Amino acid sequence: MRITSDAIKPDGELPQRYSKDDRAFSPPVSWSGVPAGTKELVLVMEQTTPSTQPPHVHWCVYGMGPDTGGLPEGIMSQTDPDDLPIEQARGDAGKTGYDAPVGTISKRLDLRLRLLALDRTLDMQPGADAHAVIEAAEAAAKDEAVLTFHYTRAP
């Protein structure tokens, strides 16, 4: 399984457009190679710095069918966007939907997008706690793809 973004190169910089320093749009994400028999997909965006803390969840999307193929740019803070068959969890900032990163000037944040292919569907309510969704997804994961990247707030 592979996860990519037209906006983010592997180990590259997250464009400012997808941060709180600008428009705070969610980035476009696509994937391929979903294993046969997958029942649901879960997408998680986490900040892994500082490494002494558990990852900070910026975005968690669940309830996606195995044929979804990706998400467009600009999915905002709503639990169930009308035009997409997805649910969005409540992340660490207490916000449901995409919570764009913001950093300290000139300090690099390490981030990752994880796509988990599940062998069963999750029975999670709309706006569920992201950590509960992630824990359930990791228990049901049959495959995972990761895209790592960074964000550095400009001076």
C-alpha atoms as a PDB file:
ATOM      1  CA  MET A   1       0.000   0.000   0.000  1.00  0.00           C
ATOM      2  CA  ARG A   2       1.255   3.507  -0.797  1.00  0.00           C
ATOM      3  CA  ILE A   3       0.170   6.978   0.369  1.00  0.00           C
ATOM      4  CA  THR A   4       1.088  10.166  -1.526  1.00  0.00           C
ATOM      5  CA  SER A   5       0.146  13.826  -1.780  1.00  0.00           C
ATOM      6  CA  ASP A   6       0.448  16.202  -4.720  1.00  0.00           C
ATOM      7  CA  ALA A   7       1.275  18.910  -2.153  1.00  0.00           C
ATOM      8  CA  ILE A   8       3.826  17.083   0.010  1.00  0.00           C
ATOM      9  CA  LYS A   9       6.978  15.320  -1.115  1.00  0.00           C
ATOM     10  CA  PRO A  10       8.257  12.437   1.068  1.00  0.00           C
ATOM     11  CA  ASP A  11      10.432  13.934   3.834  1.00  0.00           C
ATOM     12  CA  GLY A  12       9.653  17.368   2.367  1.00  0.00           C
ATOM     13  CA  GLU A  13       8.080  20.523   3.767  1.00  0.00           C
ATOM     14  CA  LEU A  14       4.370  20.966   4.297  1.00  0.00           C
ATOM     15  CA  PRO A  15       3.442  24.070   2.298  1.00  0.00           C
ATOM     16  CA  GLN A  16       2.348  26.990   4.466  1.00  0.00           C
ATOM     17  CA  ARG A  17      -1.111  26.871   2.854  1.00  0.00           C
ATOM     18  CA  TYR A  18      -1.882  23.783   4.970  1.00  0.00           C
ATOM     19  CA  SER A  19      -0.819  25.410   8.261  1.00  0.00           C
ATOM     20  CA  LYS A  20      -2.454  27.849  10.653  1.00  0.00           C
ATOM     21  CA  ASP A  21       0.006  30.423   9.339  1.00  0.00           C
ATOM     22  CA  ASP A  22      -2.106  30.581   6.159  1.00  0.00           C
ATOM     23  CA  ARG A  23      -5.386  29.044   4.945  1.00  0.00           C
ATOM     24  CA  ALA A  24      -5.275  25.942   7.174  1.00  0.00           C
ATOM     25  CA  PHE A  25      -6.649  23.736   4.397  1.00  0.00           C
ATOM     26  CA  SER A  26      -6.223  20.006   4.712  1.00  0.00           C
ATOM     27  CA  PRO A  27      -3.758  18.730   2.091  1.00  0.00           C
ATOM     28  CA  PRO A  28      -4.844  16.497  -0.779  1.00  0.00           C
ATOM     29  CA  VAL A  29      -3.998  12.856  -0.105  1.00  0.00           C
ATOM     30  CA  SER A  30      -4.205   9.805  -2.361  1.00  0.00           C
ATOM     31  CA  TRP A  31      -3.339   6.151  -2.029  1.00  0.00           C
ATOM     32  CA  SER A  32      -3.068   2.948  -3.988  1.00  0.00           C
ATOM     33  CA  GLY A  33      -2.447  -0.750  -3.454  1.00  0.00           C
ATOM     34  CA  VAL A  34      -5.149  -1.261  -0.819  1.00  0.00           C
ATOM     35  CA  PRO A  35      -5.053  -4.979   0.085  1.00  0.00           C
ATOM     36  CA  ALA A  36      -7.882  -7.242  -1.033  1.00  0.00           C
ATOM     37  CA  GLY A  37     -10.371  -7.871   1.739  1.00  0.00           C
ATOM     38  CA  THR A  38      -9.942  -4.434   3.310  1.00  0.00           C
ATOM     39  CA  LYS A  39     -13.203  -3.346   4.975  1.00  0.00           C
ATOM     40  CA  GLU A  40     -12.333   0.221   6.039  1.00  0.00           C
ATOM     41  CA  LEU A  41      -9.554   2.796   5.745  1.00  0.00           C
ATOM     42  CA  VAL A  42      -8.402   5.220   8.439  1.00  0.00           C
ATOM     43  CA  LEU A  43      -6.178   8.237   7.764  1.00  0.00           C
ATOM     44  CA  VAL A  44      -4.250   9.886  10.606  1.00  0.00           C
ATOM     45  CA  MET A  45      -2.060  13.014  10.581  1.00  0.00           C
ATOM     46  CA  GLU A  46       0.241  13.149  13.602  1.00  0.00           C
ATOM     47  CA  GLN A  47       2.981  15.411  14.868  1.00  0.00           C
ATOM     48  CA  THR A  48       5.854  13.328  16.198  1.00  0.00           C
ATOM     49  CA  THR A  49       7.875  16.142  17.799  1.00  0.00           C
ATOM     50  CA  PRO A  50       8.762  16.357  20.543  1.00  0.00           C
ATOM     51  CA  SER A  51       9.639  12.670  20.451  1.00  0.00           C
ATOM     52  CA  THR A  52       9.286  12.357  24.232  1.00  0.00           C
ATOM     53  CA  GLN A  53       5.510  12.857  23.937  1.00  0.00           C
ATOM     54  CA  PRO A  54       2.864  10.651  22.326  1.00  0.00           C
ATOM     55  CA  PRO A  55       2.111  11.881  18.794  1.00  0.00           C
ATOM     56  CA  HIS A  56      -0.223  14.890  18.657  1.00  0.00           C
ATOM     57  CA  VAL A  57      -3.204  14.080  16.426  1.00  0.00           C
ATOM     58  CA  HIS A  58      -4.011  16.867  13.945  1.00  0.00           C
ATOM     59  CA  TRP A  59      -6.473  14.902  11.818  1.00  0.00           C
ATOM     60  CA  CYS A  60      -8.187  11.529  11.895  1.00  0.00           C
ATOM     61  CA  VAL A  61     -10.558  10.398   9.137  1.00  0.00           C
ATOM     62  CA  TYR A  62     -12.401   7.092   9.392  1.00  0.00           C
ATOM     63  CA  GLY A  63     -15.347   5.241   7.893  1.00  0.00           C
ATOM     64  CA  MET A  64     -13.762   5.307   4.429  1.00  0.00           C
ATOM     65  CA  GLY A  65     -14.483   2.439   2.089  1.00  0.00           C
ATOM     66  CA  PRO A  66     -11.568   0.509   0.554  1.00  0.00           C
ATOM     67  CA  ASP A  67     -12.224   2.033  -2.876  1.00  0.00           C
ATOM     68  CA  THR A  68     -12.042   5.664  -1.689  1.00  0.00           C
ATOM     69  CA  GLY A  69      -8.648   6.319  -3.339  1.00  0.00           C
ATOM     70  CA  GLY A  70      -7.967   9.620  -1.618  1.00  0.00           C
ATOM     71  CA  LEU A  71      -9.241  12.886  -0.201  1.00  0.00           C
ATOM     72  CA  PRO A  72      -9.291  16.292  -1.889  1.00  0.00           C
ATOM     73  CA  GLU A  73      -7.718  19.455  -0.547  1.00  0.00           C
ATOM     74  CA  GLY A  74      -9.706  21.566   1.862  1.00  0.00           C
ATOM     75  CA  ILE A  75     -11.704  19.180   4.005  1.00  0.00           C
ATOM     76  CA  MET A  76     -12.548  21.360   6.946  1.00  0.00           C
ATOM     77  CA  SER A  77     -13.988  20.975  10.424  1.00  0.00           C
ATOM     78  CA  GLN A  78     -17.106  18.966  10.032  1.00  0.00           C
ATOM     79  CA  THR A  79     -17.767  15.462  11.200  1.00  0.00           C
ATOM     80  CA  ASP A  80     -19.449  14.234   8.042  1.00  0.00           C
ATOM     81  CA  PRO A  81     -18.856  16.343   4.929  1.00  0.00           C
ATOM     82  CA  ASP A  82     -21.983  16.112   2.773  1.00  0.00           C
ATOM     83  CA  ASP A  83     -20.141  15.192  -0.399  1.00  0.00           C
ATOM     84  CA  LEU A  84     -17.796  12.551   1.073  1.00  0.00           C
ATOM     85  CA  PRO A  85     -18.669   9.244   2.783  1.00  0.00           C
ATOM     86  CA  ILE A  86     -16.289   9.801   5.703  1.00  0.00           C
ATOM     87  CA  GLU A  87     -16.275  10.659   9.387  1.00  0.00           C
ATOM     88  CA  GLN A  88     -13.773  12.913  11.154  1.00  0.00           C
ATOM     89  CA  ALA A  89     -12.594  12.468  14.718  1.00  0.00           C
ATOM     90  CA  ARG A  90     -11.946  14.998  17.472  1.00  0.00           C
ATOM     91  CA  GLY A  91      -8.174  15.528  17.644  1.00  0.00           C
ATOM     92  CA  ASP A  92      -5.872  16.582  20.457  1.00  0.00           C
ATOM     93  CA  ALA A  93      -6.787  20.269  20.202  1.00  0.00           C
ATOM     94  CA  GLY A  94     -10.423  19.334  20.857  1.00  0.00           C
ATOM     95  CA  LYS A  95     -11.439  20.177  17.290  1.00  0.00           C
ATOM     96  CA  THR A  96     -13.355  17.819  15.010  1.00  0.00           C
ATOM     97  CA  GLY A  97     -11.793  17.657  11.562  1.00  0.00           C
ATOM     98  CA  TYR A  98      -8.499  18.999  10.263  1.00  0.00           C
ATOM     99  CA  ASP A  99      -6.481  20.964  12.819  1.00  0.00           C
ATOM    100  CA  ALA A 100      -3.608  22.536  10.890  1.00  0.00           C
ATOM    101  CA  PRO A 101      -0.151  22.599  12.482  1.00  0.00           C
ATOM    102  CA  VAL A 102       1.445  25.805  13.689  1.00  0.00           C
ATOM    103  CA  GLY A 103       4.975  25.994  14.939  1.00  0.00           C
ATOM    104  CA  THR A 104       7.478  28.212  16.618  1.00  0.00           C
ATOM    105  CA  ILE A 105       9.416  30.407  14.198  1.00  0.00           C
ATOM    106  CA  SER A 106      12.319  28.485  12.620  1.00  0.00           C
ATOM    107  CA  LYS A 107      11.640  25.316  14.651  1.00  0.00           C
ATOM    108  CA  ARG A 108      10.924  22.213  12.558  1.00  0.00           C
ATOM    109  CA  LEU A 109       7.921  20.039  13.356  1.00  0.00           C
ATOM    110  CA  ASP A 110       8.028  16.406  12.248  1.00  0.00           C
ATOM    111  CA  LEU A 111       4.720  15.104  10.920  1.00  0.00           C
ATOM    112  CA  ARG A 112       3.359  11.993   9.287  1.00  0.00           C
ATOM    113  CA  LEU A 113       0.282  10.796   7.472  1.00  0.00           C
ATOM    114  CA  ARG A 114      -0.633   7.189   8.188  1.00  0.00           C
ATOM    115  CA  LEU A 115      -3.150   5.172   6.219  1.00  0.00           C
ATOM    116  CA  LEU A 116      -4.394   2.007   7.883  1.00  0.00           C
ATOM    117  CA  ALA A 117      -6.235  -0.738   5.987  1.00  0.00           C
ATOM    118  CA  LEU A 118      -8.563  -2.610   8.343  1.00  0.00           C
ATOM    119  CA  ASP A 119      -9.841  -6.167   8.233  1.00  0.00           C
ATOM    120  CA  ARG A 120     -13.161  -5.049   9.752  1.00  0.00           C
ATOM    121  CA  THR A 121     -15.253  -1.907   9.985  1.00  0.00           C
ATOM    122  CA  LEU A 122     -15.090   0.247  13.079  1.00  0.00           C
ATOM    123  CA  ASP A 123     -18.276   0.986  14.958  1.00  0.00           C
ATOM    124  CA  MET A 124     -17.380   4.559  15.911  1.00  0.00           C
ATOM    125  CA  GLN A 125     -19.795   7.462  16.231  1.00  0.00           C
ATOM    126  CA  PRO A 126     -19.277  10.690  14.250  1.00  0.00           C
ATOM    127  CA  GLY A 127     -16.849  13.027  16.016  1.00  0.00           C
ATOM    128  CA  ALA A 128     -15.331  10.207  18.099  1.00  0.00           C
ATOM    129  CA  ASP A 129     -12.119  10.785  20.040  1.00  0.00           C
ATOM    130  CA  ALA A 130      -9.174  10.390  17.657  1.00  0.00           C
ATOM    131  CA  HIS A 131      -7.159   8.245  20.079  1.00  0.00           C
ATOM    132  CA  ALA A 132     -10.072   5.816  20.455  1.00  0.00           C
ATOM    133  CA  VAL A 133     -10.358   5.579  16.659  1.00  0.00           C
ATOM    134  CA  ILE A 134      -6.603   5.065  16.266  1.00  0.00           C
ATOM    135  CA  GLU A 135      -6.473   2.385  18.968  1.00  0.00           C
ATOM    136  CA  ALA A 136      -9.347   0.471  17.366  1.00  0.00           C
ATOM    137  CA  ALA A 137      -7.841   0.915  13.889  1.00  0.00           C
ATOM    138  CA  GLU A 138      -4.396  -0.314  14.951  1.00  0.00           C
ATOM    139  CA  ALA A 139      -6.009  -3.435  16.466  1.00  0.00           C
ATOM    140  CA  ALA A 140      -7.765  -4.163  13.158  1.00  0.00           C
ATOM    141  CA  ALA A 141      -4.971  -3.077  10.781  1.00  0.00           C
ATOM    142  CA  LYS A 142      -3.819  -5.498   8.117  1.00  0.00           C
ATOM    143  CA  ASP A 143      -1.552  -2.973   6.368  1.00  0.00           C
ATOM    144  CA  GLU A 144      -0.212   0.538   6.875  1.00  0.00           C
ATOM    145  CA  ALA A 145       1.381   3.169   4.655  1.00  0.00           C
ATOM    146  CA  VAL A 146       3.236   6.228   5.977  1.00  0.00           C
ATOM    147  CA  LEU A 147       4.215   9.580   4.459  1.00  0.00           C
ATOM    148  CA  THR A 148       6.612  11.589   6.635  1.00  0.00           C
ATOM    149  CA  PHE A 149       7.152  15.330   6.208  1.00  0.00           C
ATOM    150  CA  HIS A 150       7.988  18.500   8.120  1.00  0.00           C
ATOM    151  CA  TYR A 151       6.692  21.980   8.807  1.00  0.00           C
ATOM    152  CA  THR A 152       8.891  24.951   9.671  1.00  0.00           C
ATOM    153  CA  ARG A 153       7.207  28.234  10.460  1.00  0.00           C
ATOM    154  CA  ALA A 154       8.841  31.039   8.508  1.00  0.00           C
ATOM    155  CA  PRO A 155      10.243  34.060  10.398  1.00  0.00           C
END
